[in-house]
Amino acid sequence: MRAQEQGLLNGRGSRRRWWGGGGGRRACQGRAAPVDERFLKDLDRVLVLHRRAVMPYAAYARKRRGPSDEREVEQYARLVGQACAERMLLYRA
C-alpha cells in the first residue's frame, strides 16, 4: 500500500512526524493520552524539585516541615496526568 493511501503523507507530500519521535507518541507532548495514562494512580511517584534535588513526592513529604501540601500536589497531578507527573518536575520551595 502506498504511503498516501495509508494516510502517512500530509498535503505537501512529505511524511508526517509524530510528537516525540522514536517509539510513537508520548503522553506529555501536545496530544491527548489514552484515559488510563491520564488517570492519577500513585501520588508518591510525582517528581518534585526541592532544594536543587529531584525526588519522588513520598521522599519530599517525609522531609517537609510544616503543613502538608498534599492537596495541591494531588490537584497538579490530576491536571497534568500520571504520565506527565512522572516526567515533569514540580517546584517546591
N, C-alpha and C. Protein backbone atom coordinates (compact mmCIF):
# COMPACT_ATOMS: atom_id res chain seq x y z
N MET A 1 0.83 -1.17 0.00
CA MET A 1 0.00 0.00 0.00
C MET A 1 0.88 1.24 0.00
N ARG A 2 0.51 2.23 -0.75
CA ARG A 2 1.30 3.45 -0.80
C ARG A 2 1.09 4.30 0.45
N ALA A 3 2.09 5.15 0.74
CA ALA A 3 2.05 5.96 1.96
C ALA A 3 0.83 6.89 1.98
N GLN A 4 0.46 7.47 0.85
CA GLN A 4 -0.67 8.38 0.82
C GLN A 4 -1.98 7.65 1.09
N GLU A 5 -2.10 6.43 0.60
CA GLU A 5 -3.30 5.64 0.86
C GLU A 5 -3.41 5.28 2.34
N GLN A 6 -2.30 5.14 3.01
CA GLN A 6 -2.30 4.81 4.43
C GLN A 6 -2.51 6.05 5.29
N GLY A 7 -2.49 7.23 4.68
CA GLY A 7 -2.67 8.45 5.45
C GLY A 7 -1.40 8.94 6.11
N LEU A 8 -0.24 8.54 5.61
CA LEU A 8 1.02 8.93 6.22
C LEU A 8 1.59 10.22 5.64
N LEU A 9 1.02 10.72 4.57
CA LEU A 9 1.54 11.93 3.96
C LEU A 9 0.63 13.11 4.27
N ASN A 10 1.26 14.27 4.52
CA ASN A 10 0.44 15.46 4.69
C ASN A 10 0.18 16.08 3.32
N GLY A 11 -0.45 17.23 3.24
CA GLY A 11 -0.84 17.82 1.97
C GLY A 11 0.30 18.19 1.05
N ARG A 12 1.50 18.42 1.57
CA ARG A 12 2.63 18.82 0.74
C ARG A 12 3.45 17.64 0.24
N GLY A 13 3.06 16.43 0.55
CA GLY A 13 3.76 15.26 0.04
C GLY A 13 4.89 14.77 0.94
N SER A 14 5.08 15.39 2.10
CA SER A 14 6.13 14.90 3.00
C SER A 14 5.50 14.07 4.11
N ARG A 15 6.28 13.23 4.71
CA ARG A 15 5.75 12.36 5.76
C ARG A 15 5.46 13.14 7.03
N ARG A 16 4.41 12.74 7.72
CA ARG A 16 4.09 13.36 9.00
C ARG A 16 5.09 12.90 10.04
N ARG A 17 5.28 13.73 11.03
CA ARG A 17 6.17 13.35 12.12
C ARG A 17 5.37 13.34 13.41
N TRP A 18 5.37 12.23 14.11
CA TRP A 18 4.65 12.12 15.36
C TRP A 18 5.41 12.87 16.44
N TRP A 19 4.70 13.43 17.41
CA TRP A 19 5.34 14.08 18.54
C TRP A 19 6.18 13.08 19.30
N GLY A 20 7.37 13.46 19.69
CA GLY A 20 8.22 12.60 20.50
C GLY A 20 9.13 11.70 19.69
N GLY A 21 8.79 11.42 18.46
CA GLY A 21 9.64 10.57 17.62
C GLY A 21 9.87 9.20 18.24
N GLY A 22 10.70 8.43 17.64
CA GLY A 22 11.06 7.13 18.20
C GLY A 22 9.90 6.18 18.26
N GLY A 23 9.50 5.79 19.44
CA GLY A 23 8.51 4.75 19.63
C GLY A 23 7.08 5.23 19.66
N GLY A 24 6.72 6.21 18.86
CA GLY A 24 5.33 6.65 18.82
C GLY A 24 5.14 7.93 19.62
N ARG A 25 3.88 8.22 19.89
CA ARG A 25 3.58 9.45 20.60
C ARG A 25 3.84 9.32 22.09
N ARG A 26 4.22 10.43 22.69
CA ARG A 26 4.40 10.47 24.14
C ARG A 26 3.21 11.18 24.74
N ALA A 27 2.91 10.87 25.98
CA ALA A 27 1.71 11.40 26.61
C ALA A 27 1.78 12.89 26.90
N CYS A 28 2.95 13.45 27.14
CA CYS A 28 3.07 14.83 27.57
C CYS A 28 3.14 15.84 26.44
N GLN A 29 3.25 15.41 25.23
CA GLN A 29 3.57 16.34 24.17
C GLN A 29 2.41 16.61 23.22
N GLY A 30 1.57 17.55 23.61
CA GLY A 30 0.59 18.12 22.72
C GLY A 30 -0.61 17.27 22.36
N ARG A 31 -0.58 16.01 22.46
CA ARG A 31 -1.72 15.18 22.08
C ARG A 31 -2.30 14.52 23.32
N ALA A 32 -3.58 14.24 23.27
CA ALA A 32 -4.25 13.63 24.41
C ALA A 32 -3.76 12.19 24.60
N ALA A 33 -3.51 11.85 25.83
CA ALA A 33 -3.09 10.49 26.16
C ALA A 33 -4.32 9.61 26.34
N PRO A 34 -4.17 8.32 26.18
CA PRO A 34 -5.30 7.44 26.49
C PRO A 34 -5.74 7.64 27.94
N VAL A 35 -6.99 7.40 28.22
CA VAL A 35 -7.57 7.70 29.52
C VAL A 35 -6.81 7.05 30.66
N ASP A 36 -6.36 5.82 30.51
CA ASP A 36 -5.69 5.14 31.62
C ASP A 36 -4.35 5.79 31.96
N GLU A 37 -3.67 6.45 31.01
CA GLU A 37 -2.40 7.12 31.32
C GLU A 37 -2.63 8.44 32.03
N ARG A 38 -3.78 9.08 31.79
CA ARG A 38 -4.04 10.37 32.42
C ARG A 38 -4.55 10.22 33.83
N PHE A 39 -5.10 9.08 34.17
CA PHE A 39 -5.71 8.87 35.47
C PHE A 39 -4.65 8.85 36.56
N LEU A 40 -4.88 9.57 37.63
CA LEU A 40 -3.95 9.62 38.76
C LEU A 40 -4.02 8.31 39.53
N LYS A 41 -2.91 7.59 39.56
CA LYS A 41 -2.89 6.30 40.24
C LYS A 41 -2.07 6.35 41.53
N ASP A 42 -0.92 7.00 41.50
CA ASP A 42 0.00 6.95 42.63
C ASP A 42 0.64 8.31 42.85
N LEU A 43 0.21 9.01 43.87
CA LEU A 43 0.72 10.35 44.16
C LEU A 43 2.19 10.31 44.56
N ASP A 44 2.65 9.21 45.13
CA ASP A 44 4.04 9.11 45.59
C ASP A 44 5.05 9.10 44.45
N ARG A 45 4.60 8.89 43.21
CA ARG A 45 5.52 8.85 42.07
C ARG A 45 5.66 10.19 41.36
N VAL A 46 4.95 11.22 41.83
CA VAL A 46 5.08 12.57 41.27
C VAL A 46 6.48 13.07 41.59
N LEU A 47 7.17 13.63 40.58
CA LEU A 47 8.53 14.14 40.80
C LEU A 47 8.49 15.57 41.31
N VAL A 48 9.30 15.84 42.33
CA VAL A 48 9.35 17.15 42.97
C VAL A 48 10.80 17.64 42.96
N LEU A 49 10.98 18.93 42.63
CA LEU A 49 12.28 19.57 42.73
C LEU A 49 12.27 20.42 43.99
N HIS A 50 13.06 20.01 44.98
CA HIS A 50 13.09 20.71 46.27
C HIS A 50 14.54 20.88 46.69
N ARG A 51 14.95 22.12 46.91
CA ARG A 51 16.33 22.45 47.30
C ARG A 51 17.35 21.85 46.33
N ARG A 52 17.13 22.06 45.04
CA ARG A 52 18.02 21.61 43.96
C ARG A 52 18.18 20.09 43.91
N ALA A 53 17.23 19.35 44.45
CA ALA A 53 17.27 17.90 44.40
C ALA A 53 15.94 17.38 43.85
N VAL A 54 16.03 16.42 42.95
CA VAL A 54 14.85 15.78 42.38
C VAL A 54 14.53 14.55 43.22
N MET A 55 13.28 14.45 43.63
CA MET A 55 12.86 13.32 44.46
C MET A 55 11.39 13.02 44.20
N PRO A 56 10.97 11.78 44.46
CA PRO A 56 9.54 11.49 44.37
C PRO A 56 8.80 12.18 45.52
N TYR A 57 7.51 12.38 45.34
CA TYR A 57 6.73 13.09 46.35
C TYR A 57 6.80 12.39 47.71
N ALA A 58 6.89 11.08 47.74
CA ALA A 58 6.95 10.35 49.01
C ALA A 58 8.17 10.79 49.84
N ALA A 59 9.33 10.94 49.19
CA ALA A 59 10.53 11.39 49.90
C ALA A 59 10.41 12.85 50.32
N TYR A 60 9.83 13.67 49.44
CA TYR A 60 9.62 15.09 49.77
C TYR A 60 8.70 15.24 50.97
N ALA A 61 7.63 14.46 51.02
CA ALA A 61 6.67 14.55 52.11
C ALA A 61 7.32 14.19 53.45
N ARG A 62 8.26 13.24 53.44
CA ARG A 62 8.96 12.88 54.68
C ARG A 62 9.88 14.00 55.15
N LYS A 63 10.52 14.71 54.21
CA LYS A 63 11.48 15.76 54.57
C LYS A 63 10.82 17.08 54.90
N ARG A 64 9.63 17.30 54.39
CA ARG A 64 8.96 18.59 54.53
C ARG A 64 8.54 18.85 55.97
N ARG A 65 8.75 20.10 56.39
CA ARG A 65 8.28 20.54 57.70
C ARG A 65 7.10 21.48 57.49
N GLY A 66 6.23 21.53 58.44
CA GLY A 66 5.09 22.44 58.33
C GLY A 66 3.86 21.75 57.75
N PRO A 67 2.89 22.56 57.33
CA PRO A 67 1.63 21.99 56.85
C PRO A 67 1.82 21.20 55.55
N SER A 68 1.00 20.20 55.40
CA SER A 68 1.08 19.33 54.22
C SER A 68 0.52 20.05 53.00
N ASP A 69 1.15 19.84 51.87
CA ASP A 69 0.63 20.41 50.61
C ASP A 69 0.14 19.29 49.69
N GLU A 70 -0.31 18.21 50.29
CA GLU A 70 -0.74 17.03 49.53
C GLU A 70 -1.90 17.36 48.60
N ARG A 71 -2.84 18.20 49.03
CA ARG A 71 -3.98 18.54 48.18
C ARG A 71 -3.53 19.28 46.93
N GLU A 72 -2.56 20.20 47.06
CA GLU A 72 -2.04 20.94 45.90
C GLU A 72 -1.33 20.01 44.93
N VAL A 73 -0.52 19.11 45.46
CA VAL A 73 0.22 18.17 44.62
C VAL A 73 -0.75 17.21 43.93
N GLU A 74 -1.78 16.79 44.64
CA GLU A 74 -2.77 15.90 44.04
C GLU A 74 -3.53 16.61 42.91
N GLN A 75 -3.86 17.89 43.12
CA GLN A 75 -4.53 18.65 42.06
C GLN A 75 -3.62 18.82 40.84
N TYR A 76 -2.34 19.12 41.08
CA TYR A 76 -1.37 19.23 39.99
C TYR A 76 -1.29 17.93 39.20
N ALA A 77 -1.19 16.81 39.91
CA ALA A 77 -1.06 15.52 39.25
C ALA A 77 -2.32 15.17 38.46
N ARG A 78 -3.49 15.56 38.97
CA ARG A 78 -4.72 15.30 38.23
C ARG A 78 -4.79 16.16 36.97
N LEU A 79 -4.30 17.39 37.04
CA LEU A 79 -4.35 18.30 35.89
C LEU A 79 -3.40 17.86 34.78
N VAL A 80 -2.20 17.47 35.12
CA VAL A 80 -1.23 17.09 34.08
C VAL A 80 -1.30 15.61 33.72
N GLY A 81 -1.87 14.79 34.61
CA GLY A 81 -1.97 13.36 34.36
C GLY A 81 -0.80 12.61 34.97
N GLN A 82 -1.01 11.33 35.20
CA GLN A 82 0.01 10.50 35.85
C GLN A 82 1.28 10.40 35.02
N ALA A 83 1.14 10.18 33.73
CA ALA A 83 2.32 10.00 32.87
C ALA A 83 3.20 11.26 32.87
N CYS A 84 2.59 12.43 32.77
CA CYS A 84 3.36 13.68 32.77
C CYS A 84 3.91 14.00 34.15
N ALA A 85 3.16 13.72 35.19
CA ALA A 85 3.61 14.00 36.55
C ALA A 85 4.85 13.18 36.90
N GLU A 86 5.01 12.03 36.25
CA GLU A 86 6.19 11.20 36.49
C GLU A 86 7.38 11.67 35.69
N ARG A 87 7.18 12.56 34.71
CA ARG A 87 8.28 13.06 33.87
C ARG A 87 8.64 14.51 34.18
N MET A 88 7.63 15.31 34.51
CA MET A 88 7.86 16.73 34.78
C MET A 88 8.26 16.93 36.23
N LEU A 89 8.86 18.08 36.53
CA LEU A 89 9.25 18.40 37.90
C LEU A 89 8.34 19.48 38.46
N LEU A 90 7.81 19.23 39.63
CA LEU A 90 7.01 20.21 40.35
C LEU A 90 7.94 20.92 41.33
N TYR A 91 8.09 22.24 41.18
CA TYR A 91 9.00 23.01 42.03
C TYR A 91 8.34 23.31 43.36
N ARG A 92 9.02 23.00 44.43
CA ARG A 92 8.58 23.32 45.78
C ARG A 92 9.72 24.01 46.50
N ALA A 93 9.46 25.20 47.04
CA ALA A 93 10.49 25.98 47.75
C ALA A 93 10.63 25.54 49.19
